[in-house]
Amino acid sequence: PEPSHSPEPSETPEPSHSPEPTETPEPSHSPESTEAPKAAPMIAPPSDGESVESAEHGSDAEKRDAATRSSGEQGASGSTDESSRGD
């Protein structure tokens, strides 16, 4: 009767109950895994944004500023010069 009293039948339901709760968190972890790849693509756009920011902060911004400044200064200078001359 000793071996019969052993937790043999108890051990069977235990492992059966263990995989159940473990299987529940698994599906919960699945969606998280899908969110991880979503963050990966998010890191990709920064590369593009960085390129644009770098260009805007350095080349684009400088070129635009220089062009706008040159155009604005020339126009204002010419207008003022002409006005002064006409006066």
PDB file of N, CA and C in Angstrom:
ATOM      1  N   PRO A   1       0.852  -1.203   0.000  1.00  0.00           N
ATOM      2  CA  PRO A   1       0.000   0.000   0.000  1.00  0.00           C
ATOM      3  C   PRO A   1       0.889   1.256   0.000  1.00  0.00           C
ATOM      4  N   GLU A   2       2.082   1.085   0.456  1.00  0.00           N
ATOM      5  CA  GLU A   2       2.963   2.272   0.499  1.00  0.00           C
ATOM      6  C   GLU A   2       3.161   2.835  -0.920  1.00  0.00           C
ATOM      7  N   PRO A   3       3.613   2.002  -1.846  1.00  0.00           N
ATOM      8  CA  PRO A   3       3.824   2.499  -3.223  1.00  0.00           C
ATOM      9  C   PRO A   3       2.513   3.037  -3.796  1.00  0.00           C
ATOM     10  N   SER A   4       1.425   2.441  -3.416  1.00  0.00           N
ATOM     11  CA  SER A   4       0.123   2.886  -3.937  1.00  0.00           C
ATOM     12  C   SER A   4      -0.193   4.269  -3.358  1.00  0.00           C
ATOM     13  N   HIS A   5       0.278   4.491  -2.134  1.00  0.00           N
ATOM     14  CA  HIS A   5      -0.015   5.782  -1.480  1.00  0.00           C
ATOM     15  C   HIS A   5       0.951   6.862  -1.993  1.00  0.00           C
ATOM     16  N   SER A   6       1.981   6.403  -2.672  1.00  0.00           N
ATOM     17  CA  SER A   6       2.968   7.375  -3.172  1.00  0.00           C
ATOM     18  C   SER A   6       2.257   8.469  -3.995  1.00  0.00           C
ATOM     19  N   PRO A   7       2.811   9.621  -4.036  1.00  0.00           N
ATOM     20  CA  PRO A   7       2.177  10.715  -4.812  1.00  0.00           C
ATOM     21  C   PRO A   7       2.346  10.472  -6.304  1.00  0.00           C
ATOM     22  N   GLU A   8       1.931   9.304  -6.730  1.00  0.00           N
ATOM     23  CA  GLU A   8       2.029   9.027  -8.186  1.00  0.00           C
ATOM     24  C   GLU A   8       0.871   9.711  -8.920  1.00  0.00           C
ATOM     25  N   PRO A   9      -0.374   9.449  -8.466  1.00  0.00           N
ATOM     26  CA  PRO A   9      -1.525  10.061  -9.143  1.00  0.00           C
ATOM     27  C   PRO A   9      -1.521  11.575  -8.913  1.00  0.00           C
ATOM     28  N   SER A  10      -0.941  11.995  -7.813  1.00  0.00           N
ATOM     29  CA  SER A  10      -0.909  13.431  -7.517  1.00  0.00           C
ATOM     30  C   SER A  10       0.100  14.113  -8.459  1.00  0.00           C
ATOM     31  N   GLU A  11       1.150  13.370  -8.776  1.00  0.00           N
ATOM     32  CA  GLU A  11       2.180  13.969  -9.642  1.00  0.00           C
ATOM     33  C   GLU A  11       1.636  14.127 -11.069  1.00  0.00           C
ATOM     34  N   THR A  12       0.730  13.271 -11.433  1.00  0.00           N
ATOM     35  CA  THR A  12       0.205  13.344 -12.804  1.00  0.00           C
ATOM     36  C   THR A  12      -0.611  14.626 -12.999  1.00  0.00           C
ATOM     37  N   PRO A  13      -1.521  14.907 -12.084  1.00  0.00           N
ATOM     38  CA  PRO A  13      -2.337  16.115 -12.261  1.00  0.00           C
ATOM     39  C   PRO A  13      -1.482  17.372 -12.071  1.00  0.00           C
ATOM     40  N   GLU A  14      -0.446  17.263 -11.274  1.00  0.00           N
ATOM     41  CA  GLU A  14       0.400  18.457 -11.048  1.00  0.00           C
ATOM     42  C   GLU A  14       1.030  18.922 -12.371  1.00  0.00           C
ATOM     43  N   PRO A  15       1.745  18.062 -13.042  1.00  0.00           N
ATOM     44  CA  PRO A  15       2.363  18.466 -14.324  1.00  0.00           C
ATOM     45  C   PRO A  15       1.295  18.911 -15.322  1.00  0.00           C
ATOM     46  N   SER A  16       0.134  18.300 -15.237  1.00  0.00           N
ATOM     47  CA  SER A  16      -0.936  18.660 -16.179  1.00  0.00           C
ATOM     48  C   SER A  16      -1.385  20.096 -15.891  1.00  0.00           C
ATOM     49  N   HIS A  17      -1.364  20.457 -14.612  1.00  0.00           N
ATOM     50  CA  HIS A  17      -1.833  21.808 -14.243  1.00  0.00           C
ATOM     51  C   HIS A  17      -0.723  22.839 -14.472  1.00  0.00           C
ATOM     52  N   SER A  18       0.494  22.361 -14.469  1.00  0.00           N
ATOM     53  CA  SER A  18       1.623  23.286 -14.639  1.00  0.00           C
ATOM     54  C   SER A  18       1.646  23.833 -16.075  1.00  0.00           C
ATOM     55  N   PRO A  19       1.603  22.949 -17.039  1.00  0.00           N
ATOM     56  CA  PRO A  19       1.662  23.404 -18.439  1.00  0.00           C
ATOM     57  C   PRO A  19       0.478  24.314 -18.770  1.00  0.00           C
ATOM     58  N   GLU A  20      -0.604  24.167 -18.033  1.00  0.00           N
ATOM     59  CA  GLU A  20      -1.787  25.003 -18.359  1.00  0.00           C
ATOM     60  C   GLU A  20      -1.473  26.481 -18.098  1.00  0.00           C
ATOM     61  N   PRO A  21      -1.056  26.824 -16.895  1.00  0.00           N
ATOM     62  CA  PRO A  21      -0.763  28.244 -16.631  1.00  0.00           C
ATOM     63  C   PRO A  21       0.422  28.726 -17.470  1.00  0.00           C
ATOM     64  N   THR A  22       1.316  27.825 -17.784  1.00  0.00           N
ATOM     65  CA  THR A  22       2.471  28.234 -18.600  1.00  0.00           C
ATOM     66  C   THR A  22       2.023  28.522 -20.033  1.00  0.00           C
ATOM     67  N   GLU A  23       0.994  27.805 -20.449  1.00  0.00           N
ATOM     68  CA  GLU A  23       0.528  28.020 -21.834  1.00  0.00           C
ATOM     69  C   GLU A  23      -0.224  29.352 -21.928  1.00  0.00           C
ATOM     70  N   THR A  24      -0.808  29.765 -20.826  1.00  0.00           N
ATOM     71  CA  THR A  24      -1.578  31.025 -20.858  1.00  0.00           C
ATOM     72  C   THR A  24      -0.630  32.218 -21.041  1.00  0.00           C
ATOM     73  N   PRO A  25       0.435  32.279 -20.254  1.00  0.00           N
ATOM     74  CA  PRO A  25       1.365  33.409 -20.423  1.00  0.00           C
ATOM     75  C   PRO A  25       2.055  33.361 -21.791  1.00  0.00           C
ATOM     76  N   GLU A  26       2.145  32.178 -22.357  1.00  0.00           N
ATOM     77  CA  GLU A  26       2.811  32.078 -23.678  1.00  0.00           C
ATOM     78  C   GLU A  26       2.077  32.955 -24.698  1.00  0.00           C
ATOM     79  N   PRO A  27       0.773  32.791 -24.843  1.00  0.00           N
ATOM     80  CA  PRO A  27       0.025  33.615 -25.809  1.00  0.00           C
ATOM     81  C   PRO A  27       0.170  35.100 -25.472  1.00  0.00           C
ATOM     82  N   SER A  28       0.263  35.378 -24.187  1.00  0.00           N
ATOM     83  CA  SER A  28       0.398  36.781 -23.784  1.00  0.00           C
ATOM     84  C   SER A  28       1.768  37.302 -24.251  1.00  0.00           C
ATOM     85  N   HIS A  29       2.729  36.407 -24.259  1.00  0.00           N
ATOM     86  CA  HIS A  29       4.081  36.820 -24.671  1.00  0.00           C
ATOM     87  C   HIS A  29       4.151  36.931 -26.193  1.00  0.00           C
ATOM     88  N   SER A  30       3.256  36.241 -26.867  1.00  0.00           N
ATOM     89  CA  SER A  30       3.273  36.262 -28.343  1.00  0.00           C
ATOM     90  C   SER A  30       3.034  37.689 -28.844  1.00  0.00           C
ATOM     91  N   PRO A  31       1.992  38.330 -28.370  1.00  0.00           N
ATOM     92  CA  PRO A  31       1.705  39.700 -28.822  1.00  0.00           C
ATOM     93  C   PRO A  31       2.862  40.638 -28.485  1.00  0.00           C
ATOM     94  N   GLU A  32       3.527  40.356 -27.375  1.00  0.00           N
ATOM     95  CA  GLU A  32       4.660  41.219 -27.011  1.00  0.00           C
ATOM     96  C   GLU A  32       5.767  41.073 -28.062  1.00  0.00           C
ATOM     97  N   SER A  33       5.947  39.838 -28.500  1.00  0.00           N
ATOM     98  CA  SER A  33       6.986  39.578 -29.504  1.00  0.00           C
ATOM     99  C   SER A  33       6.643  40.352 -30.781  1.00  0.00           C
ATOM    100  N   THR A  34       5.367  40.448 -31.047  1.00  0.00           N
ATOM    101  CA  THR A  34       4.949  41.174 -32.270  1.00  0.00           C
ATOM    102  C   THR A  34       5.200  42.667 -32.085  1.00  0.00           C
ATOM    103  N   GLU A  35       5.107  43.108 -30.833  1.00  0.00           N
ATOM    104  CA  GLU A  35       5.329  44.539 -30.584  1.00  0.00           C
ATOM    105  C   GLU A  35       6.831  44.855 -30.693  1.00  0.00           C
ATOM    106  N   ALA A  36       7.651  43.865 -30.396  1.00  0.00           N
ATOM    107  CA  ALA A  36       9.105  44.085 -30.480  1.00  0.00           C
ATOM    108  C   ALA A  36       9.483  44.423 -31.922  1.00  0.00           C
ATOM    109  N   PRO A  37       9.062  43.634 -32.879  1.00  0.00           N
ATOM    110  CA  PRO A  37       9.375  43.943 -34.284  1.00  0.00           C
ATOM    111  C   PRO A  37       8.800  45.295 -34.683  1.00  0.00           C
ATOM    112  N   LYS A  38       7.702  45.663 -34.067  1.00  0.00           N
ATOM    113  CA  LYS A  38       7.104  46.972 -34.407  1.00  0.00           C
ATOM    114  C   LYS A  38       8.087  48.080 -33.985  1.00  0.00           C
ATOM    115  N   ALA A  39       8.751  47.859 -32.866  1.00  0.00           N
ATOM    116  CA  ALA A  39       9.705  48.867 -32.386  1.00  0.00           C
ATOM    117  C   ALA A  39      10.922  48.889 -33.318  1.00  0.00           C
ATOM    118  N   ALA A  40      11.230  47.765 -33.922  1.00  0.00           N
ATOM    119  CA  ALA A  40      12.386  47.712 -34.837  1.00  0.00           C
ATOM    120  C   ALA A  40      12.153  48.672 -36.008  1.00  0.00           C
ATOM    121  N   PRO A  41      11.033  48.581 -36.676  1.00  0.00           N
ATOM    122  CA  PRO A  41      10.754  49.507 -37.786  1.00  0.00           C
ATOM    123  C   PRO A  41      10.749  50.949 -37.290  1.00  0.00           C
ATOM    124  N   MET A  42      10.353  51.146 -36.049  1.00  0.00           N
ATOM    125  CA  MET A  42      10.334  52.519 -35.515  1.00  0.00           C
ATOM    126  C   MET A  42      11.778  53.049 -35.445  1.00  0.00           C
ATOM    127  N   ILE A  43      12.717  52.153 -35.196  1.00  0.00           N
ATOM    128  CA  ILE A  43      14.126  52.585 -35.101  1.00  0.00           C
ATOM    129  C   ILE A  43      14.654  52.895 -36.510  1.00  0.00           C
ATOM    130  N   ALA A  44      13.997  52.327 -37.509  1.00  0.00           N
ATOM    131  CA  ALA A  44      14.453  52.564 -38.891  1.00  0.00           C
ATOM    132  C   ALA A  44      14.126  53.994 -39.316  1.00  0.00           C
ATOM    133  N   PRO A  45      12.928  54.472 -39.064  1.00  0.00           N
ATOM    134  CA  PRO A  45      12.579  55.843 -39.457  1.00  0.00           C
ATOM    135  C   PRO A  45      13.537  56.873 -38.863  1.00  0.00           C
ATOM    136  N   PRO A  46      13.946  56.718 -37.602  1.00  0.00           N
ATOM    137  CA  PRO A  46      14.913  57.672 -37.046  1.00  0.00           C
ATOM    138  C   PRO A  46      16.124  57.832 -37.963  1.00  0.00           C
ATOM    139  N   SER A  47      16.527  56.749 -38.610  1.00  0.00           N
ATOM    140  CA  SER A  47      17.675  56.832 -39.531  1.00  0.00           C
ATOM    141  C   SER A  47      17.349  57.858 -40.622  1.00  0.00           C
ATOM    142  N   ASP A  48      16.140  57.749 -41.151  1.00  0.00           N
ATOM    143  CA  ASP A  48      15.713  58.675 -42.204  1.00  0.00           C
ATOM    144  C   ASP A  48      15.597  60.078 -41.611  1.00  0.00           C
ATOM    145  N   GLY A  49      14.978  60.142 -40.443  1.00  0.00           N
ATOM    146  CA  GLY A  49      14.785  61.440 -39.784  1.00  0.00           C
ATOM    147  C   GLY A  49      16.143  62.056 -39.453  1.00  0.00           C
ATOM    148  N   GLU A  50      17.070  61.242 -39.023  1.00  0.00           N
ATOM    149  CA  GLU A  50      18.388  61.777 -38.673  1.00  0.00           C
ATOM    150  C   GLU A  50      19.029  62.383 -39.918  1.00  0.00           C
ATOM    151  N   SER A  51      18.881  61.683 -41.023  1.00  0.00           N
ATOM    152  CA  SER A  51      19.463  62.163 -42.283  1.00  0.00           C
ATOM    153  C   SER A  51      18.853  63.518 -42.623  1.00  0.00           C
ATOM    154  N   VAL A  52      17.542  63.604 -42.461  1.00  0.00           N
ATOM    155  CA  VAL A  52      16.848  64.863 -42.794  1.00  0.00           C
ATOM    156  C   VAL A  52      17.245  65.936 -41.789  1.00  0.00           C
ATOM    157  N   GLU A  53      17.346  65.526 -40.522  1.00  0.00           N
ATOM    158  CA  GLU A  53      17.696  66.512 -39.490  1.00  0.00           C
ATOM    159  C   GLU A  53      19.123  67.011 -39.747  1.00  0.00           C
ATOM    160  N   SER A  54      20.012  66.096 -40.077  1.00  0.00           N
ATOM    161  CA  SER A  54      21.411  66.466 -40.322  1.00  0.00           C
ATOM    162  C   SER A  54      21.464  67.447 -41.500  1.00  0.00           C
ATOM    163  N   ALA A  55      20.740  67.113 -42.548  1.00  0.00           N
ATOM    164  CA  ALA A  55      20.751  67.959 -43.749  1.00  0.00           C
ATOM    165  C   ALA A  55      20.115  69.306 -43.422  1.00  0.00           C
ATOM    166  N   GLU A  56      19.018  69.269 -42.695  1.00  0.00           N
ATOM    167  CA  GLU A  56      18.319  70.526 -42.385  1.00  0.00           C
ATOM    168  C   GLU A  56      19.178  71.356 -41.422  1.00  0.00           C
ATOM    169  N   HIS A  57      19.834  70.667 -40.504  1.00  0.00           N
ATOM    170  CA  HIS A  57      20.608  71.389 -39.481  1.00  0.00           C
ATOM    171  C   HIS A  57      21.904  71.914 -40.094  1.00  0.00           C
ATOM    172  N   GLY A  58      22.414  71.242 -41.116  1.00  0.00           N
ATOM    173  CA  GLY A  58      23.716  71.650 -41.671  1.00  0.00           C
ATOM    174  C   GLY A  58      23.600  72.126 -43.107  1.00  0.00           C
ATOM    175  N   SER A  59      23.468  71.178 -44.031  1.00  0.00           N
ATOM    176  CA  SER A  59      23.477  71.541 -45.461  1.00  0.00           C
ATOM    177  C   SER A  59      22.216  72.314 -45.822  1.00  0.00           C
ATOM    178  N   ASP A  60      21.065  71.641 -45.700  1.00  0.00           N
ATOM    179  CA  ASP A  60      19.798  72.268 -46.123  1.00  0.00           C
ATOM    180  C   ASP A  60      19.617  73.616 -45.417  1.00  0.00           C
ATOM    181  N   ALA A  61      19.735  73.615 -44.115  1.00  0.00           N
ATOM    182  CA  ALA A  61      19.482  74.851 -43.352  1.00  0.00           C
ATOM    183  C   ALA A  61      20.506  75.913 -43.769  1.00  0.00           C
ATOM    184  N   GLU A  62      21.749  75.537 -43.821  1.00  0.00           N
ATOM    185  CA  GLU A  62      22.786  76.531 -44.180  1.00  0.00           C
ATOM    186  C   GLU A  62      22.542  77.063 -45.591  1.00  0.00           C
ATOM    187  N   LYS A  63      22.329  76.131 -46.510  1.00  0.00           N
ATOM    188  CA  LYS A  63      22.106  76.554 -47.911  1.00  0.00           C
ATOM    189  C   LYS A  63      20.876  77.462 -47.967  1.00  0.00           C
ATOM    190  N   ARG A  64      19.816  77.033 -47.298  1.00  0.00           N
ATOM    191  CA  ARG A  64      18.562  77.826 -47.363  1.00  0.00           C
ATOM    192  C   ARG A  64      18.820  79.179 -46.694  1.00  0.00           C
ATOM    193  N   ASP A  65      19.459  79.132 -45.550  1.00  0.00           N
ATOM    194  CA  ASP A  65      19.707  80.397 -44.839  1.00  0.00           C
ATOM    195  C   ASP A  65      20.557  81.313 -45.726  1.00  0.00           C
ATOM    196  N   ALA A  66      21.586  80.764 -46.313  1.00  0.00           N
ATOM    197  CA  ALA A  66      22.475  81.568 -47.166  1.00  0.00           C
ATOM    198  C   ALA A  66      21.682  82.120 -48.350  1.00  0.00           C
ATOM    199  N   ALA A  67      20.894  81.260 -48.979  1.00  0.00           N
ATOM    200  CA  ALA A  67      20.124  81.705 -50.156  1.00  0.00           C
ATOM    201  C   ALA A  67      19.107  82.753 -49.722  1.00  0.00           C
ATOM    202  N   THR A  68      18.416  82.485 -48.644  1.00  0.00           N
ATOM    203  CA  THR A  68      17.385  83.449 -48.191  1.00  0.00           C
ATOM    204  C   THR A  68      18.070  84.738 -47.740  1.00  0.00           C
ATOM    205  N   ARG A  69      19.167  84.624 -47.075  1.00  0.00           N
ATOM    206  CA  ARG A  69      19.861  85.825 -46.571  1.00  0.00           C
ATOM    207  C   ARG A  69      20.384  86.617 -47.780  1.00  0.00           C
ATOM    208  N   SER A  70      21.013  85.918 -48.681  1.00  0.00           N
ATOM    209  CA  SER A  70      21.556  86.599 -49.870  1.00  0.00           C
ATOM    210  C   SER A  70      20.413  87.277 -50.623  1.00  0.00           C
ATOM    211  N   SER A  71      19.347  86.524 -50.868  1.00  0.00           N
ATOM    212  CA  SER A  71      18.208  87.060 -51.630  1.00  0.00           C
ATOM    213  C   SER A  71      17.613  88.240 -50.864  1.00  0.00           C
ATOM    214  N   GLY A  72      17.365  88.037 -49.569  1.00  0.00           N
ATOM    215  CA  GLY A  72      16.736  89.092 -48.761  1.00  0.00           C
ATOM    216  C   GLY A  72      17.669  90.292 -48.665  1.00  0.00           C
ATOM    217  N   GLU A  73      18.919  90.062 -48.385  1.00  0.00           N
ATOM    218  CA  GLU A  73      19.858  91.187 -48.235  1.00  0.00           C
ATOM    219  C   GLU A  73      19.977  91.933 -49.562  1.00  0.00           C
ATOM    220  N   GLN A  74      20.141  91.176 -50.635  1.00  0.00           N
ATOM    221  CA  GLN A  74      20.300  91.819 -51.947  1.00  0.00           C
ATOM    222  C   GLN A  74      19.055  92.645 -52.257  1.00  0.00           C
ATOM    223  N   GLY A  75      17.881  92.017 -52.037  1.00  0.00           N
ATOM    224  CA  GLY A  75      16.625  92.714 -52.358  1.00  0.00           C
ATOM    225  C   GLY A  75      16.494  93.948 -51.480  1.00  0.00           C
ATOM    226  N   ALA A  76      16.725  93.805 -50.189  1.00  0.00           N
ATOM    227  CA  ALA A  76      16.573  94.952 -49.284  1.00  0.00           C
ATOM    228  C   ALA A  76      17.624  95.998 -49.646  1.00  0.00           C
ATOM    229  N   SER A  77      18.831  95.554 -49.869  1.00  0.00           N
ATOM    230  CA  SER A  77      19.907  96.496 -50.185  1.00  0.00           C
ATOM    231  C   SER A  77      19.545  97.249 -51.469  1.00  0.00           C
ATOM    232  N   GLY A  78      19.167  96.494 -52.487  1.00  0.00           N
ATOM    233  CA  GLY A  78      18.834  97.129 -53.776  1.00  0.00           C
ATOM    234  C   GLY A  78      17.674  98.088 -53.596  1.00  0.00           C
ATOM    235  N   SER A  79      16.651  97.660 -52.873  1.00  0.00           N
ATOM    236  CA  SER A  79      15.465  98.510 -52.695  1.00  0.00           C
ATOM    237  C   SER A  79      15.884  99.784 -51.958  1.00  0.00           C
ATOM    238  N   THR A  80      16.644  99.611 -50.889  1.00  0.00           N
ATOM    239  CA  THR A  80      17.054 100.791 -50.104  1.00  0.00           C
ATOM    240  C   THR A  80      17.953 101.680 -50.967  1.00  0.00           C
ATOM    241  N   ASP A  81      18.848 101.043 -51.692  1.00  0.00           N
ATOM    242  CA  ASP A  81      19.763 101.832 -52.535  1.00  0.00           C
ATOM    243  C   ASP A  81      18.950 102.645 -53.543  1.00  0.00           C
ATOM    244  N   GLU A  82      18.019 101.955 -54.178  1.00  0.00           N
ATOM    245  CA  GLU A  82      17.224 102.642 -55.208  1.00  0.00           C
ATOM    246  C   GLU A  82      16.436 103.789 -54.561  1.00  0.00           C
ATOM    247  N   SER A  83      15.845 103.491 -53.393  1.00  0.00           N
ATOM    248  CA  SER A  83      15.026 104.518 -52.724  1.00  0.00           C
ATOM    249  C   SER A  83      15.939 105.702 -52.367  1.00  0.00           C
ATOM    250  N   SER A  84      17.081 105.379 -51.807  1.00  0.00           N
ATOM    251  CA  SER A  84      18.002 106.443 -51.398  1.00  0.00           C
ATOM    252  C   SER A  84      18.402 107.246 -52.641  1.00  0.00           C
ATOM    253  N   ARG A  85      18.717 106.572 -53.710  1.00  0.00           N
ATOM    254  CA  ARG A  85      19.164 107.265 -54.935  1.00  0.00           C
ATOM    255  C   ARG A  85      18.021 108.147 -55.453  1.00  0.00           C
ATOM    256  N   GLY A  86      16.804 107.520 -55.468  1.00  0.00           N
ATOM    257  CA  GLY A  86      15.664 108.289 -55.994  1.00  0.00           C
ATOM    258  C   GLY A  86      15.439 109.514 -55.117  1.00  0.00           C
ATOM    259  N   ASP A  87      15.619 109.315 -53.838  1.00  0.00           N
ATOM    260  CA  ASP A  87      15.410 110.446 -52.938  1.00  0.00           C
ATOM    261  C   ASP A  87      16.466 111.489 -53.273  1.00  0.00           C
TER     262      ASP A  87
END
